Amino acid sequence: MNRNEALTILRERITTLRARPYSELVQYLNNATCDEVFAPGGQAYQIEVVVMWDDQTHSDLRVIASIDDGSLRWSFAPLVEDFIIRPDGTFLGE
């Protein structure tokens, strides 16, 4: 897996997810999605996105995206990016 290429694809997905409103992201709670994407050179990658509650009050959402190339090595240790969004649309940690 080309780590730089995979990180670029993963960060593009995270940017797209961060642009979505809280009300849309909450609809994906506990329903992981997995997409296959192709890099410009043709390499296939799998991106999985999981949305879960980040706190006990069930208000903040943690959105986690991971990417791997399907190989044994990377499927056990994919590259991961995440963020936490509050109901008012602000991001925790910023």
PDB file of N, CA and C in Angstrom:
ATOM      1  N   MET A   1       0.859  -1.175   0.000  1.00  0.00           N
ATOM      2  CA  MET A   1       0.000   0.000   0.000  1.00  0.00           C
ATOM      3  C   MET A   1       0.901   1.233   0.000  1.00  0.00           C
ATOM      4  N   ASN A   2       0.559   2.163  -0.846  1.00  0.00           N
ATOM      5  CA  ASN A   2       1.270   3.429  -0.875  1.00  0.00           C
ATOM      6  C   ASN A   2       0.675   4.307   0.230  1.00  0.00           C
ATOM      7  N   ARG A   3       1.422   4.452   1.329  1.00  0.00           N
ATOM      8  CA  ARG A   3       0.907   5.148   2.509  1.00  0.00           C
ATOM      9  C   ARG A   3       0.494   6.587   2.199  1.00  0.00           C
ATOM     10  N   ASN A   4       1.300   7.326   1.461  1.00  0.00           N
ATOM     11  CA  ASN A   4       0.975   8.719   1.138  1.00  0.00           C
ATOM     12  C   ASN A   4      -0.285   8.817   0.289  1.00  0.00           C
ATOM     13  N   GLU A   5      -0.402   7.939  -0.683  1.00  0.00           N
ATOM     14  CA  GLU A   5      -1.583   7.913  -1.543  1.00  0.00           C
ATOM     15  C   GLU A   5      -2.829   7.588  -0.726  1.00  0.00           C
ATOM     16  N   ALA A   6      -2.722   6.597   0.152  1.00  0.00           N
ATOM     17  CA  ALA A   6      -3.856   6.202   0.990  1.00  0.00           C
ATOM     18  C   ALA A   6      -4.250   7.332   1.942  1.00  0.00           C
ATOM     19  N   LEU A   7      -3.267   8.000   2.540  1.00  0.00           N
ATOM     20  CA  LEU A   7      -3.569   9.119   3.439  1.00  0.00           C
ATOM     21  C   LEU A   7      -4.271  10.257   2.714  1.00  0.00           C
ATOM     22  N   THR A   8      -3.867  10.524   1.494  1.00  0.00           N
ATOM     23  CA  THR A   8      -4.517  11.577   0.703  1.00  0.00           C
ATOM     24  C   THR A   8      -5.983  11.227   0.483  1.00  0.00           C
ATOM     25  N   ILE A   9      -6.259   9.994   0.107  1.00  0.00           N
ATOM     26  CA  ILE A   9      -7.643   9.557  -0.124  1.00  0.00           C
ATOM     27  C   ILE A   9      -8.434   9.613   1.176  1.00  0.00           C
ATOM     28  N   LEU A  10      -7.836   9.140   2.269  1.00  0.00           N
ATOM     29  CA  LEU A  10      -8.512   9.131   3.563  1.00  0.00           C
ATOM     30  C   LEU A  10      -8.834  10.548   4.026  1.00  0.00           C
ATOM     31  N   ARG A  11      -7.896  11.454   3.881  1.00  0.00           N
ATOM     32  CA  ARG A  11      -8.126  12.836   4.321  1.00  0.00           C
ATOM     33  C   ARG A  11      -9.171  13.539   3.467  1.00  0.00           C
ATOM     34  N   GLU A  12      -9.249  13.195   2.194  1.00  0.00           N
ATOM     35  CA  GLU A  12     -10.322  13.732   1.350  1.00  0.00           C
ATOM     36  C   GLU A  12     -11.687  13.267   1.866  1.00  0.00           C
ATOM     37  N   ARG A  13     -11.770  11.994   2.249  1.00  0.00           N
ATOM     38  CA  ARG A  13     -13.041  11.470   2.785  1.00  0.00           C
ATOM     39  C   ARG A  13     -13.396  12.146   4.097  1.00  0.00           C
ATOM     40  N   ILE A  14     -12.406  12.321   4.982  1.00  0.00           N
ATOM     41  CA  ILE A  14     -12.670  12.987   6.262  1.00  0.00           C
ATOM     42  C   ILE A  14     -13.150  14.413   6.034  1.00  0.00           C
ATOM     43  N   THR A  15     -12.548  15.110   5.095  1.00  0.00           N
ATOM     44  CA  THR A  15     -12.960  16.481   4.777  1.00  0.00           C
ATOM     45  C   THR A  15     -14.412  16.501   4.312  1.00  0.00           C
ATOM     46  N   THR A  16     -14.785  15.542   3.481  1.00  0.00           N
ATOM     47  CA  THR A  16     -16.173  15.442   3.005  1.00  0.00           C
ATOM     48  C   THR A  16     -17.118  15.171   4.170  1.00  0.00           C
ATOM     49  N   LEU A  17     -16.735  14.280   5.065  1.00  0.00           N
ATOM     50  CA  LEU A  17     -17.579  13.956   6.215  1.00  0.00           C
ATOM     51  C   LEU A  17     -17.712  15.149   7.164  1.00  0.00           C
ATOM     52  N   ARG A  18     -16.640  15.884   7.362  1.00  0.00           N
ATOM     53  CA  ARG A  18     -16.684  17.055   8.250  1.00  0.00           C
ATOM     54  C   ARG A  18     -17.587  18.154   7.704  1.00  0.00           C
ATOM     55  N   ALA A  19     -17.819  18.154   6.416  1.00  0.00           N
ATOM     56  CA  ALA A  19     -18.690  19.168   5.807  1.00  0.00           C
ATOM     57  C   ALA A  19     -20.169  18.831   6.003  1.00  0.00           C
ATOM     58  N   ARG A  20     -20.468  17.611   6.409  1.00  0.00           N
ATOM     59  CA  ARG A  20     -21.863  17.212   6.606  1.00  0.00           C
ATOM     60  C   ARG A  20     -22.364  17.700   7.959  1.00  0.00           C
ATOM     61  N   PRO A  21     -23.635  18.056   8.032  1.00  0.00           N
ATOM     62  CA  PRO A  21     -24.184  18.512   9.319  1.00  0.00           C
ATOM     63  C   PRO A  21     -24.365  17.348  10.293  1.00  0.00           C
ATOM     64  N   TYR A  22     -24.362  17.682  11.573  1.00  0.00           N
ATOM     65  CA  TYR A  22     -24.582  16.711  12.637  1.00  0.00           C
ATOM     66  C   TYR A  22     -25.836  15.883  12.380  1.00  0.00           C
ATOM     67  N   SER A  23     -26.910  16.554  11.960  1.00  0.00           N
ATOM     68  CA  SER A  23     -28.195  15.873  11.742  1.00  0.00           C
ATOM     69  C   SER A  23     -28.089  14.780  10.681  1.00  0.00           C
ATOM     70  N   GLU A  24     -27.202  14.928   9.733  1.00  0.00           N
ATOM     71  CA  GLU A  24     -27.004  13.890   8.723  1.00  0.00           C
ATOM     72  C   GLU A  24     -26.111  12.768   9.259  1.00  0.00           C
ATOM     73  N   LEU A  25     -25.055  13.135   9.961  1.00  0.00           N
ATOM     74  CA  LEU A  25     -24.134  12.126  10.488  1.00  0.00           C
ATOM     75  C   LEU A  25     -24.799  11.218  11.518  1.00  0.00           C
ATOM     76  N   VAL A  26     -25.696  11.770  12.320  1.00  0.00           N
ATOM     77  CA  VAL A  26     -26.346  10.968  13.358  1.00  0.00           C
ATOM     78  C   VAL A  26     -27.179   9.834  12.751  1.00  0.00           C
ATOM     79  N   GLN A  27     -27.597   9.976  11.531  1.00  0.00           N
ATOM     80  CA  GLN A  27     -28.377   8.922  10.856  1.00  0.00           C
ATOM     81  C   GLN A  27     -27.540   7.678  10.572  1.00  0.00           C
ATOM     82  N   TYR A  28     -26.231   7.811  10.626  1.00  0.00           N
ATOM     83  CA  TYR A  28     -25.335   6.689  10.341  1.00  0.00           C
ATOM     84  C   TYR A  28     -24.855   5.965  11.602  1.00  0.00           C
ATOM     85  N   LEU A  29     -25.432   6.299  12.755  1.00  0.00           N
ATOM     86  CA  LEU A  29     -25.028   5.674  14.007  1.00  0.00           C
ATOM     87  C   LEU A  29     -25.055   4.150  13.900  1.00  0.00           C
ATOM     88  N   ASN A  30     -23.963   3.538  14.316  1.00  0.00           N
ATOM     89  CA  ASN A  30     -23.852   2.077  14.397  1.00  0.00           C
ATOM     90  C   ASN A  30     -24.096   1.355  13.076  1.00  0.00           C
ATOM     91  N   ASN A  31     -23.955   2.043  11.965  1.00  0.00           N
ATOM     92  CA  ASN A  31     -24.084   1.421  10.642  1.00  0.00           C
ATOM     93  C   ASN A  31     -22.824   1.717   9.839  1.00  0.00           C
ATOM     94  N   ALA A  32     -21.837   0.861   9.975  1.00  0.00           N
ATOM     95  CA  ALA A  32     -20.582   1.059   9.259  1.00  0.00           C
ATOM     96  C   ALA A  32     -20.830   0.985   7.759  1.00  0.00           C
ATOM     97  N   THR A  33     -20.125   1.826   7.028  1.00  0.00           N
ATOM     98  CA  THR A  33     -20.183   1.767   5.570  1.00  0.00           C
ATOM     99  C   THR A  33     -18.787   1.430   5.061  1.00  0.00           C
ATOM    100  N   CYS A  34     -18.735   0.721   3.965  1.00  0.00           N
ATOM    101  CA  CYS A  34     -17.460   0.358   3.370  1.00  0.00           C
ATOM    102  C   CYS A  34     -17.550   0.597   1.872  1.00  0.00           C
ATOM    103  N   ASP A  35     -16.597   1.358   1.356  1.00  0.00           N
ATOM    104  CA  ASP A  35     -16.564   1.678  -0.069  1.00  0.00           C
ATOM    105  C   ASP A  35     -15.213   1.285  -0.642  1.00  0.00           C
ATOM    106  N   GLU A  36     -15.223   0.892  -1.887  1.00  0.00           N
ATOM    107  CA  GLU A  36     -13.974   0.666  -2.594  1.00  0.00           C
ATOM    108  C   GLU A  36     -13.713   1.889  -3.459  1.00  0.00           C
ATOM    109  N   VAL A  37     -12.509   2.422  -3.354  1.00  0.00           N
ATOM    110  CA  VAL A  37     -12.108   3.574  -4.157  1.00  0.00           C
ATOM    111  C   VAL A  37     -10.811   3.225  -4.875  1.00  0.00           C
ATOM    112  N   PHE A  38     -10.566   3.920  -5.962  1.00  0.00           N
ATOM    113  CA  PHE A  38      -9.369   3.658  -6.747  1.00  0.00           C
ATOM    114  C   PHE A  38      -8.513   4.915  -6.821  1.00  0.00           C
ATOM    115  N   ALA A  39      -7.231   4.738  -6.571  1.00  0.00           N
ATOM    116  CA  ALA A  39      -6.271   5.826  -6.707  1.00  0.00           C
ATOM    117  C   ALA A  39      -6.043   6.089  -8.191  1.00  0.00           C
ATOM    118  N   PRO A  40      -5.498   7.241  -8.543  1.00  0.00           N
ATOM    119  CA  PRO A  40      -5.252   7.552  -9.955  1.00  0.00           C
ATOM    120  C   PRO A  40      -4.457   6.473 -10.691  1.00  0.00           C
ATOM    121  N   GLY A  41      -3.540   5.806 -10.000  1.00  0.00           N
ATOM    122  CA  GLY A  41      -2.739   4.758 -10.625  1.00  0.00           C
ATOM    123  C   GLY A  41      -3.446   3.418 -10.736  1.00  0.00           C
ATOM    124  N   GLY A  42      -4.671   3.334 -10.205  1.00  0.00           N
ATOM    125  CA  GLY A  42      -5.447   2.103 -10.310  1.00  0.00           C
ATOM    126  C   GLY A  42      -5.485   1.248  -9.059  1.00  0.00           C
ATOM    127  N   GLN A  43      -4.677   1.563  -8.048  1.00  0.00           N
ATOM    128  CA  GLN A  43      -4.671   0.794  -6.800  1.00  0.00           C
ATOM    129  C   GLN A  43      -6.032   0.908  -6.124  1.00  0.00           C
ATOM    130  N   ALA A  44      -6.583  -0.227  -5.709  1.00  0.00           N
ATOM    131  CA  ALA A  44      -7.870  -0.261  -5.016  1.00  0.00           C
ATOM    132  C   ALA A  44      -7.653  -0.147  -3.506  1.00  0.00           C
ATOM    133  N   TYR A  45      -8.510   0.628  -2.869  1.00  0.00           N
ATOM    134  CA  TYR A  45      -8.492   0.783  -1.422  1.00  0.00           C
ATOM    135  C   TYR A  45      -9.910   0.613  -0.893  1.00  0.00           C
ATOM    136  N   GLN A  46     -10.009   0.146   0.349  1.00  0.00           N
ATOM    137  CA  GLN A  46     -11.293   0.056   1.026  1.00  0.00           C
ATOM    138  C   GLN A  46     -11.318   1.121   2.118  1.00  0.00           C
ATOM    139  N   ILE A  47     -12.387   1.894   2.135  1.00  0.00           N
ATOM    140  CA  ILE A  47     -12.576   2.897   3.182  1.00  0.00           C
ATOM    141  C   ILE A  47     -13.804   2.499   3.992  1.00  0.00           C
ATOM    142  N   GLU A  48     -13.605   2.380   5.297  1.00  0.00           N
ATOM    143  CA  GLU A  48     -14.713   2.080   6.198  1.00  0.00           C
ATOM    144  C   GLU A  48     -14.968   3.309   7.063  1.00  0.00           C
ATOM    145  N   VAL A  49     -16.247   3.646   7.223  1.00  0.00           N
ATOM    146  CA  VAL A  49     -16.645   4.782   8.060  1.00  0.00           C
ATOM    147  C   VAL A  49     -17.609   4.276   9.122  1.00  0.00           C
ATOM    148  N   VAL A  50     -17.314   4.633  10.372  1.00  0.00           N
ATOM    149  CA  VAL A  50     -18.149   4.250  11.506  1.00  0.00           C
ATOM    150  C   VAL A  50     -18.509   5.521  12.269  1.00  0.00           C
ATOM    151  N   VAL A  51     -19.770   5.653  12.640  1.00  0.00           N
ATOM    152  CA  VAL A  51     -20.232   6.769  13.459  1.00  0.00           C
ATOM    153  C   VAL A  51     -20.780   6.177  14.752  1.00  0.00           C
ATOM    154  N   MET A  52     -20.301   6.717  15.891  1.00  0.00           N
ATOM    155  CA  MET A  52     -20.753   6.210  17.195  1.00  0.00           C
ATOM    156  C   MET A  52     -20.835   7.360  18.190  1.00  0.00           C
ATOM    157  N   TRP A  53     -21.548   7.108  19.279  1.00  0.00           N
ATOM    158  CA  TRP A  53     -21.596   8.104  20.334  1.00  0.00           C
ATOM    159  C   TRP A  53     -20.218   8.194  20.965  1.00  0.00           C
ATOM    160  N   ASP A  54     -19.801   9.406  21.304  1.00  0.00           N
ATOM    161  CA  ASP A  54     -18.504   9.575  21.948  1.00  0.00           C
ATOM    162  C   ASP A  54     -18.638   9.821  23.444  1.00  0.00           C
ATOM    163  N   ASP A  55     -19.836  10.012  23.930  1.00  0.00           N
ATOM    164  CA  ASP A  55     -20.028  10.300  25.348  1.00  0.00           C
ATOM    165  C   ASP A  55     -21.249   9.559  25.890  1.00  0.00           C
ATOM    166  N   GLN A  56     -21.360   9.525  27.195  1.00  0.00           N
ATOM    167  CA  GLN A  56     -22.460   8.798  27.826  1.00  0.00           C
ATOM    168  C   GLN A  56     -23.796   9.518  27.711  1.00  0.00           C
ATOM    169  N   THR A  57     -23.774  10.811  27.397  1.00  0.00           N
ATOM    170  CA  THR A  57     -25.030  11.548  27.268  1.00  0.00           C
ATOM    171  C   THR A  57     -25.641  11.393  25.879  1.00  0.00           C
ATOM    172  N   HIS A  58     -24.930  10.701  24.991  1.00  0.00           N
ATOM    173  CA  HIS A  58     -25.394  10.484  23.616  1.00  0.00           C
ATOM    174  C   HIS A  58     -25.680  11.811  22.905  1.00  0.00           C
ATOM    175  N   SER A  59     -24.680  12.665  22.939  1.00  0.00           N
ATOM    176  CA  SER A  59     -24.824  13.922  22.202  1.00  0.00           C
ATOM    177  C   SER A  59     -23.678  14.107  21.204  1.00  0.00           C
ATOM    178  N   ASP A  60     -22.436  13.906  21.642  1.00  0.00           N
ATOM    179  CA  ASP A  60     -21.295  14.063  20.743  1.00  0.00           C
ATOM    180  C   ASP A  60     -21.124  12.807  19.892  1.00  0.00           C
ATOM    181  N   LEU A  61     -20.812  13.016  18.621  1.00  0.00           N
ATOM    182  CA  LEU A  61     -20.582  11.894  17.709  1.00  0.00           C
ATOM    183  C   LEU A  61     -19.105  11.788  17.371  1.00  0.00           C
ATOM    184  N   ARG A  62     -18.594  10.569  17.379  1.00  0.00           N
ATOM    185  CA  ARG A  62     -17.242  10.313  16.878  1.00  0.00           C
ATOM    186  C   ARG A  62     -17.385   9.664  15.512  1.00  0.00           C
ATOM    187  N   VAL A  63     -16.735  10.244  14.524  1.00  0.00           N
ATOM    188  CA  VAL A  63     -16.752   9.722  13.157  1.00  0.00           C
ATOM    189  C   VAL A  63     -15.340   9.209  12.865  1.00  0.00           C
ATOM    190  N   ILE A  64     -15.251   7.933  12.545  1.00  0.00           N
ATOM    191  CA  ILE A  64     -13.959   7.285  12.317  1.00  0.00           C
ATOM    192  C   ILE A  64     -13.929   6.751  10.892  1.00  0.00           C
ATOM    193  N   ALA A  65     -12.865   7.081  10.176  1.00  0.00           N
ATOM    194  CA  ALA A  65     -12.679   6.555   8.825  1.00  0.00           C
ATOM    195  C   ALA A  65     -11.332   5.836   8.787  1.00  0.00           C
ATOM    196  N   SER A  66     -11.322   4.663   8.170  1.00  0.00           N
ATOM    197  CA  SER A  66     -10.079   3.907   8.037  1.00  0.00           C
ATOM    198  C   SER A  66      -9.926   3.455   6.596  1.00  0.00           C
ATOM    199  N   ILE A  67      -8.671   3.250   6.199  1.00  0.00           N
ATOM    200  CA  ILE A  67      -8.388   2.834   4.831  1.00  0.00           C
ATOM    201  C   ILE A  67      -7.330   1.738   4.833  1.00  0.00           C
ATOM    202  N   ASP A  68      -7.504   0.774   3.955  1.00  0.00           N
ATOM    203  CA  ASP A  68      -6.496  -0.258   3.737  1.00  0.00           C
ATOM    204  C   ASP A  68      -6.602  -0.735   2.294  1.00  0.00           C
ATOM    205  N   ASP A  69      -5.632  -1.536   1.902  1.00  0.00           N
ATOM    206  CA  ASP A  69      -5.623  -2.025   0.521  1.00  0.00           C
ATOM    207  C   ASP A  69      -6.076  -3.474   0.409  1.00  0.00           C
ATOM    208  N   GLY A  70      -6.591  -4.026   1.493  1.00  0.00           N
ATOM    209  CA  GLY A  70      -7.073  -5.402   1.467  1.00  0.00           C
ATOM    210  C   GLY A  70      -6.004  -6.439   1.753  1.00  0.00           C
ATOM    211  N   SER A  71      -4.751  -6.015   1.836  1.00  0.00           N
ATOM    212  CA  SER A  71      -3.691  -6.978   2.146  1.00  0.00           C
ATOM    213  C   SER A  71      -3.764  -7.338   3.625  1.00  0.00           C
ATOM    214  N   LEU A  72      -3.234  -8.480   3.966  1.00  0.00           N
ATOM    215  CA  LEU A  72      -3.293  -8.961   5.338  1.00  0.00           C
ATOM    216  C   LEU A  72      -2.659  -7.969   6.307  1.00  0.00           C
ATOM    217  N   ARG A  73      -1.502  -7.459   5.962  1.00  0.00           N
ATOM    218  CA  ARG A  73      -0.802  -6.524   6.852  1.00  0.00           C
ATOM    219  C   ARG A  73      -1.639  -5.294   7.149  1.00  0.00           C
ATOM    220  N   TRP A  74      -2.151  -4.641   6.123  1.00  0.00           N
ATOM    221  CA  TRP A  74      -2.877  -3.379   6.310  1.00  0.00           C
ATOM    222  C   TRP A  74      -4.308  -3.587   6.795  1.00  0.00           C
ATOM    223  N   SER A  75      -4.882  -4.756   6.570  1.00  0.00           N
ATOM    224  CA  SER A  75      -6.243  -4.971   7.072  1.00  0.00           C
ATOM    225  C   SER A  75      -6.257  -5.090   8.600  1.00  0.00           C
ATOM    226  N   PHE A  76      -5.127  -5.479   9.191  1.00  0.00           N
ATOM    227  CA  PHE A  76      -5.029  -5.539  10.655  1.00  0.00           C
ATOM    228  C   PHE A  76      -4.574  -4.215  11.258  1.00  0.00           C
ATOM    229  N   ALA A  77      -3.991  -3.351  10.462  1.00  0.00           N
ATOM    230  CA  ALA A  77      -3.502  -2.061  10.954  1.00  0.00           C
ATOM    231  C   ALA A  77      -3.752  -0.977   9.909  1.00  0.00           C
ATOM    232  N   PRO A  78      -5.029  -0.664   9.634  1.00  0.00           N
ATOM    233  CA  PRO A  78      -5.335   0.349   8.619  1.00  0.00           C
ATOM    234  C   PRO A  78      -4.940   1.750   9.091  1.00  0.00           C
ATOM    235  N   LEU A  79      -4.865   2.664   8.153  1.00  0.00           N
ATOM    236  CA  LEU A  79      -4.668   4.068   8.497  1.00  0.00           C
ATOM    237  C   LEU A  79      -6.014   4.621   8.951  1.00  0.00           C
ATOM    238  N   VAL A  80      -6.016   5.453   9.986  1.00  0.00           N
ATOM    239  CA  VAL A  80      -7.266   5.915  10.600  1.00  0.00           C
ATOM    240  C   VAL A  80      -7.221   7.420  10.832  1.00  0.00           C
ATOM    241  N   GLU A  81      -8.336   8.067  10.573  1.00  0.00           N
ATOM    242  CA  GLU A  81      -8.550   9.487  10.897  1.00  0.00           C
ATOM    243  C   GLU A  81      -9.926   9.573  11.555  1.00  0.00           C
ATOM    244  N   ASP A  82     -10.106  10.515  12.485  1.00  0.00           N
ATOM    245  CA  ASP A  82     -11.413  10.669  13.115  1.00  0.00           C
ATOM    246  C   ASP A  82     -11.622  12.106  13.557  1.00  0.00           C
ATOM    247  N   PHE A  83     -12.859  12.381  13.952  1.00  0.00           N
ATOM    248  CA  PHE A  83     -13.200  13.675  14.543  1.00  0.00           C
ATOM    249  C   PHE A  83     -14.430  13.488  15.409  1.00  0.00           C
ATOM    250  N   ILE A  84     -14.635  14.463  16.292  1.00  0.00           N
ATOM    251  CA  ILE A  84     -15.817  14.460  17.164  1.00  0.00           C
ATOM    252  C   ILE A  84     -16.589  15.732  16.872  1.00  0.00           C
ATOM    253  N   ILE A  85     -17.885  15.561  16.626  1.00  0.00           N
ATOM    254  CA  ILE A  85     -18.756  16.705  16.337  1.00  0.00           C
ATOM    255  C   ILE A  85     -19.862  16.775  17.399  1.00  0.00           C
ATOM    256  N   ARG A  86     -20.149  17.988  17.816  1.00  0.00           N
ATOM    257  CA  ARG A  86     -21.211  18.228  18.808  1.00  0.00           C
ATOM    258  C   ARG A  86     -22.520  18.559  18.090  1.00  0.00           C
ATOM    259  N   PRO A  87     -23.645  18.451  18.799  1.00  0.00           N
ATOM    260  CA  PRO A  87     -24.943  18.740  18.171  1.00  0.00           C
ATOM    261  C   PRO A  87     -25.043  20.134  17.558  1.00  0.00           C
ATOM    262  N   ASP A  88     -24.292  21.097  18.109  1.00  0.00           N
ATOM    263  CA  ASP A  88     -24.354  22.459  17.556  1.00  0.00           C
ATOM    264  C   ASP A  88     -23.456  22.624  16.320  1.00  0.00           C
ATOM    265  N   GLY A  89     -22.808  21.527  15.882  1.00  0.00           N
ATOM    266  CA  GLY A  89     -21.995  21.579  14.690  1.00  0.00           C
ATOM    267  C   GLY A  89     -20.532  21.933  14.905  1.00  0.00           C
ATOM    268  N   THR A  90     -20.160  22.215  16.158  1.00  0.00           N
ATOM    269  CA  THR A  90     -18.752  22.495  16.437  1.00  0.00           C
ATOM    270  C   THR A  90     -17.992  21.194  16.622  1.00  0.00           C
ATOM    271  N   PHE A  91     -16.691  21.276  16.454  1.00  0.00           N
ATOM    272  CA  PHE A  91     -15.841  20.100  16.558  1.00  0.00           C
ATOM    273  C   PHE A  91     -15.074  20.138  17.879  1.00  0.00           C
ATOM    274  N   LEU A  92     -15.057  19.037  18.557  1.00  0.00           N
ATOM    275  CA  LEU A  92     -14.338  18.928  19.818  1.00  0.00           C
ATOM    276  C   LEU A  92     -12.843  18.898  19.547  1.00  0.00           C
ATOM    277  N   GLY A  93     -12.068  19.610  20.341  1.00  0.00           N
ATOM    278  CA  GLY A  93     -10.633  19.606  20.186  1.00  0.00           C
ATOM    279  C   GLY A  93     -10.097  20.669  19.251  1.00  0.00           C
ATOM    280  N   GLU A  94     -10.928  21.563  18.812  1.00  0.00           N
ATOM    281  CA  GLU A  94     -10.458  22.628  17.915  1.00  0.00           C
ATOM    282  C   GLU A  94     -10.606  23.968  18.564  1.00  0.00           C
TER     283      GLU A  94
END
